[in-house]
Amino acid sequence: MAEEEKKSERDLGKLLGLAFVVLDLIVMGLGTFFVYSATVGYEKASVTEAELNKELIEFQKSLQNNPIIYSMETFNTNLEGIPRRFLRIKVNLEMLDEEGYEEVINLGAEARDSIIKLLNNKRFKDLDSVQGKLHLKNQITAQINGFLQRGVVKNVYFSEFVVQ
């Protein structure tokens, strides 16, 4: 009888071991399936070319609307270097949308301060050429866009640019 109990315990142990192996394989299989379906097996939602073209046309129409231009007050500042030069500049910012326009208006002093710091580090020879002015426009655009959260400065225009 003792041998029968030991044999039944061994059979039960083998049966439980086999059950745990099967359960482990099922759990691993399900985990593998979920990882595959979430990463490699993920299929993006299909979008037709017509829908994309429609969105592109709407976006282009929104860009072709009347430009939204914010005219900043005139800047009067000194340029770096000797002889001392004085710069008087009026900057106009073309915004991508009205939301950005409102955001630039709220910036006010921060934007002006950053532009003045940028201008104070310029020399006359940096601003004398057309390329220098274009480079300054790009720097001002990048500087202001760094402050904006939602809006975008599309372009910068100088309506007054005097160096003495």
N, C-alpha and C. Protein backbone atom coordinates (compact mmCIF):
# COMPACT_ATOMS: atom_id res chain seq x y z
N MET A 1 0.79 -1.18 0.00
CA MET A 1 0.00 0.00 0.00
C MET A 1 0.84 1.26 0.00
N ALA A 2 1.89 1.18 0.70
CA ALA A 2 2.78 2.33 0.75
C ALA A 2 3.36 2.60 -0.63
N GLU A 3 3.61 1.52 -1.36
CA GLU A 3 4.15 1.71 -2.70
C GLU A 3 3.11 2.33 -3.62
N GLU A 4 1.86 1.97 -3.45
CA GLU A 4 0.79 2.53 -4.27
C GLU A 4 0.62 4.02 -3.99
N GLU A 5 0.72 4.42 -2.70
CA GLU A 5 0.60 5.83 -2.34
C GLU A 5 1.76 6.64 -2.92
N LYS A 6 2.97 6.07 -2.86
CA LYS A 6 4.12 6.76 -3.44
C LYS A 6 3.95 6.88 -4.94
N LYS A 7 3.43 5.83 -5.58
CA LYS A 7 3.23 5.87 -7.03
C LYS A 7 2.16 6.89 -7.40
N SER A 8 1.09 6.95 -6.61
CA SER A 8 0.04 7.92 -6.90
C SER A 8 0.53 9.36 -6.65
N GLU A 9 1.40 9.54 -5.63
CA GLU A 9 1.97 10.86 -5.37
C GLU A 9 2.88 11.27 -6.52
N ARG A 10 3.66 10.31 -7.05
CA ARG A 10 4.53 10.60 -8.20
C ARG A 10 3.71 10.96 -9.42
N ASP A 11 2.64 10.18 -9.63
CA ASP A 11 1.77 10.47 -10.78
C ASP A 11 1.13 11.84 -10.62
N LEU A 12 0.70 12.17 -9.40
CA LEU A 12 0.09 13.48 -9.14
C LEU A 12 1.13 14.59 -9.35
N GLY A 13 2.35 14.37 -8.91
CA GLY A 13 3.43 15.35 -9.10
C GLY A 13 3.74 15.55 -10.57
N LYS A 14 3.78 14.43 -11.32
CA LYS A 14 4.02 14.55 -12.76
C LYS A 14 2.87 15.26 -13.44
N LEU A 15 1.66 14.96 -13.02
CA LEU A 15 0.48 15.58 -13.61
C LEU A 15 0.46 17.09 -13.32
N LEU A 16 0.75 17.47 -12.07
CA LEU A 16 0.80 18.90 -11.73
C LEU A 16 1.94 19.61 -12.45
N GLY A 17 3.08 18.96 -12.57
CA GLY A 17 4.21 19.55 -13.30
C GLY A 17 3.85 19.77 -14.75
N LEU A 18 3.19 18.78 -15.36
CA LEU A 18 2.76 18.90 -16.75
C LEU A 18 1.72 20.01 -16.90
N ALA A 19 0.80 20.12 -15.93
CA ALA A 19 -0.23 21.16 -15.97
C ALA A 19 0.42 22.55 -15.88
N PHE A 20 1.41 22.71 -15.02
CA PHE A 20 2.09 24.00 -14.89
C PHE A 20 2.86 24.33 -16.16
N VAL A 21 3.48 23.35 -16.80
CA VAL A 21 4.20 23.59 -18.05
C VAL A 21 3.21 24.05 -19.13
N VAL A 22 2.07 23.39 -19.24
CA VAL A 22 1.05 23.76 -20.23
C VAL A 22 0.52 25.17 -19.93
N LEU A 23 0.22 25.45 -18.66
CA LEU A 23 -0.26 26.78 -18.27
C LEU A 23 0.79 27.85 -18.58
N ASP A 24 2.05 27.56 -18.31
CA ASP A 24 3.14 28.49 -18.59
C ASP A 24 3.24 28.76 -20.10
N LEU A 25 3.12 27.72 -20.90
CA LEU A 25 3.18 27.90 -22.35
C LEU A 25 2.01 28.73 -22.87
N ILE A 26 0.84 28.55 -22.31
CA ILE A 26 -0.33 29.34 -22.71
C ILE A 26 -0.12 30.81 -22.35
N VAL A 27 0.35 31.09 -21.14
CA VAL A 27 0.59 32.48 -20.70
C VAL A 27 1.67 33.12 -21.57
N MET A 28 2.75 32.37 -21.85
CA MET A 28 3.81 32.92 -22.71
C MET A 28 3.29 33.19 -24.12
N GLY A 29 2.47 32.31 -24.62
CA GLY A 29 1.89 32.49 -25.96
C GLY A 29 1.01 33.73 -26.02
N LEU A 30 0.17 33.91 -24.99
CA LEU A 30 -0.69 35.10 -24.95
C LEU A 30 0.15 36.38 -24.83
N GLY A 31 1.17 36.34 -24.00
CA GLY A 31 2.04 37.51 -23.85
C GLY A 31 2.73 37.84 -25.16
N THR A 32 3.22 36.83 -25.85
CA THR A 32 3.88 37.04 -27.14
C THR A 32 2.90 37.64 -28.14
N PHE A 33 1.67 37.13 -28.15
CA PHE A 33 0.65 37.66 -29.06
C PHE A 33 0.37 39.14 -28.78
N PHE A 34 0.20 39.50 -27.51
CA PHE A 34 -0.10 40.89 -27.16
C PHE A 34 1.06 41.82 -27.52
N VAL A 35 2.28 41.39 -27.27
CA VAL A 35 3.44 42.22 -27.62
C VAL A 35 3.52 42.38 -29.14
N TYR A 36 3.32 41.31 -29.88
CA TYR A 36 3.37 41.37 -31.34
C TYR A 36 2.28 42.29 -31.88
N SER A 37 1.05 42.15 -31.38
CA SER A 37 -0.05 42.96 -31.90
C SER A 37 0.12 44.43 -31.53
N ALA A 38 0.82 44.73 -30.44
CA ALA A 38 1.00 46.12 -30.03
C ALA A 38 2.18 46.78 -30.72
N THR A 39 3.12 46.00 -31.26
CA THR A 39 4.31 46.59 -31.87
C THR A 39 4.39 46.26 -33.35
N VAL A 40 4.97 45.16 -33.70
CA VAL A 40 5.22 44.80 -35.09
C VAL A 40 3.92 44.56 -35.85
N GLY A 41 2.97 43.92 -35.21
CA GLY A 41 1.73 43.57 -35.88
C GLY A 41 0.70 44.67 -35.93
N TYR A 42 1.04 45.85 -35.38
CA TYR A 42 0.10 46.96 -35.36
C TYR A 42 -0.13 47.47 -36.77
N GLU A 43 -1.38 47.60 -37.15
CA GLU A 43 -1.72 48.14 -38.46
C GLU A 43 -2.30 49.53 -38.26
N LYS A 44 -1.74 50.48 -38.98
CA LYS A 44 -2.22 51.86 -38.88
C LYS A 44 -3.58 51.97 -39.55
N ALA A 45 -4.34 52.93 -39.09
CA ALA A 45 -5.63 53.16 -39.71
C ALA A 45 -5.41 53.60 -41.15
N SER A 46 -6.16 53.02 -42.03
CA SER A 46 -5.96 53.35 -43.44
C SER A 46 -6.63 54.69 -43.77
N VAL A 47 -5.88 55.53 -44.46
CA VAL A 47 -6.37 56.83 -44.89
C VAL A 47 -6.23 56.88 -46.40
N THR A 48 -7.27 57.31 -47.03
CA THR A 48 -7.21 57.34 -48.48
C THR A 48 -6.47 58.58 -48.95
N GLU A 49 -5.97 58.51 -50.16
CA GLU A 49 -5.24 59.64 -50.72
C GLU A 49 -6.16 60.83 -50.93
N ALA A 50 -7.42 60.57 -51.22
CA ALA A 50 -8.38 61.66 -51.42
C ALA A 50 -8.57 62.45 -50.13
N GLU A 51 -8.63 61.76 -48.99
CA GLU A 51 -8.78 62.44 -47.71
C GLU A 51 -7.56 63.30 -47.41
N LEU A 52 -6.37 62.77 -47.68
CA LEU A 52 -5.14 63.54 -47.46
C LEU A 52 -5.08 64.76 -48.35
N ASN A 53 -5.46 64.61 -49.61
CA ASN A 53 -5.47 65.75 -50.55
C ASN A 53 -6.46 66.81 -50.10
N LYS A 54 -7.60 66.38 -49.59
CA LYS A 54 -8.61 67.33 -49.11
C LYS A 54 -8.06 68.14 -47.93
N GLU A 55 -7.41 67.46 -46.97
CA GLU A 55 -6.82 68.16 -45.83
C GLU A 55 -5.71 69.10 -46.28
N LEU A 56 -4.91 68.69 -47.25
CA LEU A 56 -3.83 69.53 -47.77
C LEU A 56 -4.39 70.78 -48.43
N ILE A 57 -5.45 70.64 -49.20
CA ILE A 57 -6.06 71.80 -49.86
C ILE A 57 -6.63 72.76 -48.83
N GLU A 58 -7.27 72.23 -47.78
CA GLU A 58 -7.81 73.09 -46.72
C GLU A 58 -6.69 73.84 -46.00
N PHE A 59 -5.58 73.16 -45.75
CA PHE A 59 -4.45 73.80 -45.08
C PHE A 59 -3.85 74.89 -45.96
N GLN A 60 -3.71 74.63 -47.25
CA GLN A 60 -3.17 75.63 -48.18
C GLN A 60 -4.08 76.84 -48.26
N LYS A 61 -5.40 76.62 -48.25
CA LYS A 61 -6.34 77.75 -48.26
C LYS A 61 -6.21 78.59 -47.00
N SER A 62 -6.01 77.92 -45.87
CA SER A 62 -5.86 78.68 -44.62
C SER A 62 -4.59 79.52 -44.64
N LEU A 63 -3.54 79.03 -45.31
CA LEU A 63 -2.29 79.79 -45.39
C LEU A 63 -2.40 80.96 -46.37
N GLN A 64 -3.29 80.87 -47.34
CA GLN A 64 -3.41 81.91 -48.35
C GLN A 64 -4.32 83.04 -47.92
N ASN A 65 -4.96 82.91 -46.78
CA ASN A 65 -5.79 83.99 -46.27
C ASN A 65 -4.92 85.22 -46.02
N ASN A 66 -5.56 86.32 -45.72
CA ASN A 66 -4.82 87.55 -45.45
C ASN A 66 -3.80 87.30 -44.35
N PRO A 67 -2.58 87.75 -44.57
CA PRO A 67 -1.55 87.53 -43.54
C PRO A 67 -1.88 88.30 -42.27
N ILE A 68 -1.52 87.71 -41.15
CA ILE A 68 -1.72 88.33 -39.85
C ILE A 68 -0.37 88.89 -39.43
N ILE A 69 -0.27 90.21 -39.40
CA ILE A 69 1.02 90.85 -39.12
C ILE A 69 0.93 91.64 -37.82
N TYR A 70 1.90 91.39 -36.96
CA TYR A 70 2.02 92.11 -35.70
C TYR A 70 3.19 93.08 -35.82
N SER A 71 2.91 94.37 -35.69
CA SER A 71 3.96 95.39 -35.77
C SER A 71 4.45 95.72 -34.37
N MET A 72 5.72 95.45 -34.14
CA MET A 72 6.31 95.76 -32.84
C MET A 72 6.71 97.23 -32.83
N GLU A 73 6.86 97.76 -31.65
CA GLU A 73 7.32 99.14 -31.52
C GLU A 73 8.75 99.25 -32.05
N THR A 74 9.15 100.46 -32.37
CA THR A 74 10.49 100.70 -32.91
C THR A 74 11.55 100.40 -31.85
N PHE A 75 12.62 99.74 -32.28
CA PHE A 75 13.75 99.43 -31.40
C PHE A 75 14.83 100.47 -31.64
N ASN A 76 15.36 101.03 -30.57
CA ASN A 76 16.52 101.92 -30.62
C ASN A 76 17.59 101.30 -29.73
N THR A 77 18.71 100.92 -30.34
CA THR A 77 19.74 100.24 -29.56
C THR A 77 21.11 100.52 -30.15
N ASN A 78 22.14 100.27 -29.35
CA ASN A 78 23.52 100.42 -29.81
C ASN A 78 24.02 99.10 -30.36
N LEU A 79 24.87 99.20 -31.35
CA LEU A 79 25.52 98.02 -31.90
C LEU A 79 26.85 97.82 -31.19
N GLU A 80 27.35 96.60 -31.23
CA GLU A 80 28.63 96.28 -30.62
C GLU A 80 29.75 96.81 -31.51
N GLY A 81 30.86 97.13 -30.91
CA GLY A 81 32.04 97.52 -31.66
C GLY A 81 32.34 99.01 -31.57
N ILE A 82 33.52 99.34 -32.12
CA ILE A 82 33.96 100.74 -32.16
C ILE A 82 34.18 101.09 -33.61
N PRO A 83 33.76 102.19 -34.11
CA PRO A 83 33.04 103.27 -33.45
C PRO A 83 31.63 102.84 -33.10
N ARG A 84 31.09 103.51 -32.09
CA ARG A 84 29.74 103.20 -31.63
C ARG A 84 28.75 103.53 -32.73
N ARG A 85 27.87 102.57 -32.99
CA ARG A 85 26.82 102.75 -33.99
C ARG A 85 25.47 102.62 -33.29
N PHE A 86 24.51 103.32 -33.84
CA PHE A 86 23.16 103.35 -33.29
C PHE A 86 22.23 102.71 -34.32
N LEU A 87 21.35 101.83 -33.87
CA LEU A 87 20.42 101.14 -34.77
C LEU A 87 19.00 101.47 -34.39
N ARG A 88 18.23 101.85 -35.40
CA ARG A 88 16.80 102.09 -35.24
C ARG A 88 16.10 101.13 -36.20
N ILE A 89 15.27 100.25 -35.65
CA ILE A 89 14.67 99.20 -36.46
C ILE A 89 13.22 98.99 -36.03
N LYS A 90 12.36 98.79 -37.01
CA LYS A 90 10.95 98.46 -36.74
C LYS A 90 10.70 97.08 -37.31
N VAL A 91 10.27 96.17 -36.47
CA VAL A 91 10.09 94.76 -36.83
C VAL A 91 8.59 94.45 -36.92
N ASN A 92 8.22 93.77 -38.01
CA ASN A 92 6.85 93.29 -38.19
C ASN A 92 6.90 91.77 -38.29
N LEU A 93 6.07 91.09 -37.53
CA LEU A 93 6.04 89.64 -37.50
C LEU A 93 4.80 89.14 -38.23
N GLU A 94 5.01 88.29 -39.24
CA GLU A 94 3.88 87.66 -39.92
C GLU A 94 3.61 86.34 -39.22
N MET A 95 2.40 86.20 -38.70
CA MET A 95 2.03 85.02 -37.94
C MET A 95 1.28 84.03 -38.82
N LEU A 96 1.35 82.77 -38.45
CA LEU A 96 0.69 81.71 -39.20
C LEU A 96 -0.82 81.73 -38.98
N ASP A 97 -1.26 82.05 -37.76
CA ASP A 97 -2.69 82.09 -37.48
C ASP A 97 -2.99 83.11 -36.38
N GLU A 98 -4.28 83.31 -36.13
CA GLU A 98 -4.70 84.31 -35.15
C GLU A 98 -4.31 83.91 -33.72
N GLU A 99 -4.28 82.63 -33.46
CA GLU A 99 -3.91 82.15 -32.13
C GLU A 99 -2.47 82.57 -31.79
N GLY A 100 -1.58 82.44 -32.77
CA GLY A 100 -0.21 82.87 -32.58
C GLY A 100 -0.10 84.37 -32.41
N TYR A 101 -0.94 85.11 -33.13
CA TYR A 101 -0.96 86.57 -33.02
C TYR A 101 -1.28 86.99 -31.59
N GLU A 102 -2.30 86.37 -31.02
CA GLU A 102 -2.67 86.70 -29.64
C GLU A 102 -1.56 86.34 -28.66
N GLU A 103 -0.88 85.25 -28.94
CA GLU A 103 0.21 84.82 -28.06
C GLU A 103 1.38 85.79 -28.11
N VAL A 104 1.70 86.31 -29.31
CA VAL A 104 2.79 87.28 -29.45
C VAL A 104 2.45 88.58 -28.73
N ILE A 105 1.21 88.99 -28.82
CA ILE A 105 0.79 90.21 -28.13
C ILE A 105 1.00 90.05 -26.62
N ASN A 106 0.68 88.88 -26.10
CA ASN A 106 0.84 88.64 -24.66
C ASN A 106 2.31 88.54 -24.25
N LEU A 107 3.20 88.17 -25.18
CA LEU A 107 4.64 88.11 -24.84
C LEU A 107 5.17 89.49 -24.51
N GLY A 108 4.94 90.43 -25.41
CA GLY A 108 5.34 91.80 -25.19
C GLY A 108 6.78 92.02 -24.81
N ALA A 109 7.05 92.25 -23.54
CA ALA A 109 8.37 92.63 -23.05
C ALA A 109 9.41 91.53 -23.24
N GLU A 110 9.01 90.28 -23.08
CA GLU A 110 9.97 89.17 -23.25
C GLU A 110 10.52 89.15 -24.67
N ALA A 111 9.63 89.28 -25.63
CA ALA A 111 10.04 89.25 -27.03
C ALA A 111 10.94 90.45 -27.35
N ARG A 112 10.54 91.62 -26.90
CA ARG A 112 11.35 92.82 -27.15
C ARG A 112 12.74 92.69 -26.52
N ASP A 113 12.80 92.20 -25.31
CA ASP A 113 14.07 92.04 -24.61
C ASP A 113 14.99 91.08 -25.35
N SER A 114 14.44 89.97 -25.83
CA SER A 114 15.28 89.00 -26.54
C SER A 114 15.79 89.57 -27.85
N ILE A 115 14.98 90.36 -28.52
CA ILE A 115 15.42 90.99 -29.79
C ILE A 115 16.49 92.03 -29.51
N ILE A 116 16.32 92.81 -28.46
CA ILE A 116 17.33 93.83 -28.12
C ILE A 116 18.66 93.17 -27.76
N LYS A 117 18.62 92.08 -27.01
CA LYS A 117 19.86 91.37 -26.70
C LYS A 117 20.53 90.85 -27.97
N LEU A 118 19.72 90.37 -28.88
CA LEU A 118 20.24 89.88 -30.15
C LEU A 118 20.89 91.01 -30.95
N LEU A 119 20.24 92.17 -30.98
CA LEU A 119 20.77 93.32 -31.73
C LEU A 119 22.02 93.90 -31.09
N ASN A 120 22.07 93.88 -29.76
CA ASN A 120 23.24 94.44 -29.06
C ASN A 120 24.51 93.64 -29.36
N ASN A 121 24.38 92.39 -29.72
CA ASN A 121 25.55 91.56 -30.01
C ASN A 121 25.96 91.62 -31.47
N LYS A 122 25.30 92.43 -32.27
CA LYS A 122 25.63 92.55 -33.69
C LYS A 122 26.59 93.71 -33.92
N ARG A 123 27.45 93.55 -34.92
CA ARG A 123 28.35 94.62 -35.35
C ARG A 123 27.79 95.21 -36.63
N PHE A 124 28.26 96.38 -36.99
CA PHE A 124 27.79 97.04 -38.21
C PHE A 124 28.07 96.17 -39.43
N LYS A 125 29.22 95.54 -39.47
CA LYS A 125 29.57 94.72 -40.62
C LYS A 125 28.67 93.49 -40.74
N ASP A 126 28.07 93.05 -39.62
CA ASP A 126 27.14 91.92 -39.66
C ASP A 126 25.82 92.30 -40.33
N LEU A 127 25.44 93.57 -40.22
CA LEU A 127 24.13 94.01 -40.72
C LEU A 127 24.23 94.81 -42.00
N ASP A 128 25.43 95.07 -42.48
CA ASP A 128 25.63 95.95 -43.63
C ASP A 128 25.15 95.31 -44.93
N SER A 129 25.29 94.02 -45.06
CA SER A 129 24.94 93.35 -46.32
C SER A 129 23.51 92.80 -46.28
N VAL A 130 23.01 92.45 -47.45
CA VAL A 130 21.68 91.86 -47.55
C VAL A 130 21.66 90.50 -46.84
N GLN A 131 22.75 89.74 -46.99
CA GLN A 131 22.81 88.45 -46.32
C GLN A 131 22.76 88.61 -44.80
N GLY A 132 23.39 89.66 -44.30
CA GLY A 132 23.37 89.93 -42.86
C GLY A 132 21.97 90.23 -42.37
N LYS A 133 21.22 90.99 -43.16
CA LYS A 133 19.84 91.30 -42.78
C LYS A 133 18.97 90.04 -42.84
N LEU A 134 19.17 89.20 -43.84
CA LEU A 134 18.41 87.96 -43.94
C LEU A 134 18.75 87.03 -42.76
N HIS A 135 20.01 86.98 -42.40
CA HIS A 135 20.43 86.18 -41.25
C HIS A 135 19.78 86.71 -39.97
N LEU A 136 19.72 88.04 -39.83
CA LEU A 136 19.07 88.64 -38.67
C LEU A 136 17.59 88.28 -38.64
N LYS A 137 16.93 88.29 -39.78
CA LYS A 137 15.51 87.89 -39.85
C LYS A 137 15.34 86.46 -39.34
N ASN A 138 16.21 85.57 -39.79
CA ASN A 138 16.12 84.17 -39.36
C ASN A 138 16.35 84.03 -37.85
N GLN A 139 17.29 84.81 -37.32
CA GLN A 139 17.56 84.74 -35.89
C GLN A 139 16.37 85.27 -35.09
N ILE A 140 15.77 86.34 -35.55
CA ILE A 140 14.60 86.90 -34.85
C ILE A 140 13.44 85.90 -34.89
N THR A 141 13.24 85.27 -36.05
CA THR A 141 12.17 84.27 -36.17
C THR A 141 12.40 83.13 -35.19
N ALA A 142 13.61 82.62 -35.14
CA ALA A 142 13.92 81.52 -34.23
C ALA A 142 13.77 81.95 -32.77
N GLN A 143 14.20 83.16 -32.46
CA GLN A 143 14.12 83.68 -31.09
C GLN A 143 12.67 83.77 -30.63
N ILE A 144 11.81 84.35 -31.46
CA ILE A 144 10.40 84.53 -31.08
C ILE A 144 9.68 83.18 -31.04
N ASN A 145 9.95 82.31 -32.01
CA ASN A 145 9.31 80.99 -32.02
C ASN A 145 9.71 80.17 -30.79
N GLY A 146 10.87 80.46 -30.22
CA GLY A 146 11.29 79.78 -28.99
C GLY A 146 10.41 80.13 -27.81
N PHE A 147 9.82 81.31 -27.82
CA PHE A 147 8.94 81.73 -26.73
C PHE A 147 7.51 81.22 -26.92
N LEU A 148 7.10 81.00 -28.15
CA LEU A 148 5.71 80.66 -28.44
C LEU A 148 5.43 79.19 -28.16
N GLN A 149 4.26 78.93 -27.61
CA GLN A 149 3.83 77.55 -27.33
C GLN A 149 3.00 77.00 -28.47
N ARG A 150 2.04 77.78 -28.96
CA ARG A 150 1.12 77.30 -29.99
C ARG A 150 1.32 78.01 -31.32
N GLY A 151 1.68 79.26 -31.30
CA GLY A 151 1.80 80.05 -32.51
C GLY A 151 3.13 79.86 -33.21
N VAL A 152 3.18 80.34 -34.46
CA VAL A 152 4.40 80.23 -35.25
C VAL A 152 4.60 81.54 -36.01
N VAL A 153 5.82 82.08 -35.93
CA VAL A 153 6.17 83.25 -36.74
C VAL A 153 6.55 82.72 -38.12
N LYS A 154 5.82 83.18 -39.12
CA LYS A 154 6.05 82.70 -40.49
C LYS A 154 7.17 83.48 -41.16
N ASN A 155 7.21 84.79 -40.93
CA ASN A 155 8.22 85.63 -41.56
C ASN A 155 8.42 86.89 -40.73
N VAL A 156 9.55 87.54 -40.96
CA VAL A 156 9.86 88.81 -40.29
C VAL A 156 10.12 89.85 -41.36
N TYR A 157 9.54 91.03 -41.19
CA TYR A 157 9.73 92.13 -42.13
C TYR A 157 10.29 93.32 -41.37
N PHE A 158 11.18 94.06 -42.02
CA PHE A 158 11.70 95.31 -41.47
C PHE A 158 11.04 96.45 -42.20
N SER A 159 10.27 97.26 -41.49
CA SER A 159 9.66 98.42 -42.15
C SER A 159 10.52 99.67 -41.95
N GLU A 160 11.49 99.58 -41.05
CA GLU A 160 12.44 100.67 -40.85
C GLU A 160 13.75 100.04 -40.40
N PHE A 161 14.85 100.47 -41.02
CA PHE A 161 16.15 99.92 -40.69
C PHE A 161 17.18 101.01 -40.90
N VAL A 162 17.59 101.68 -39.83
CA VAL A 162 18.51 102.82 -39.93
C VAL A 162 19.69 102.56 -39.00
N VAL A 163 20.90 102.69 -39.55
CA VAL A 163 22.13 102.57 -38.77
C VAL A 163 22.88 103.88 -38.88
N GLN A 164 23.26 104.46 -37.76
CA GLN A 164 24.04 105.70 -37.77
C GLN A 164 25.35 105.49 -37.08
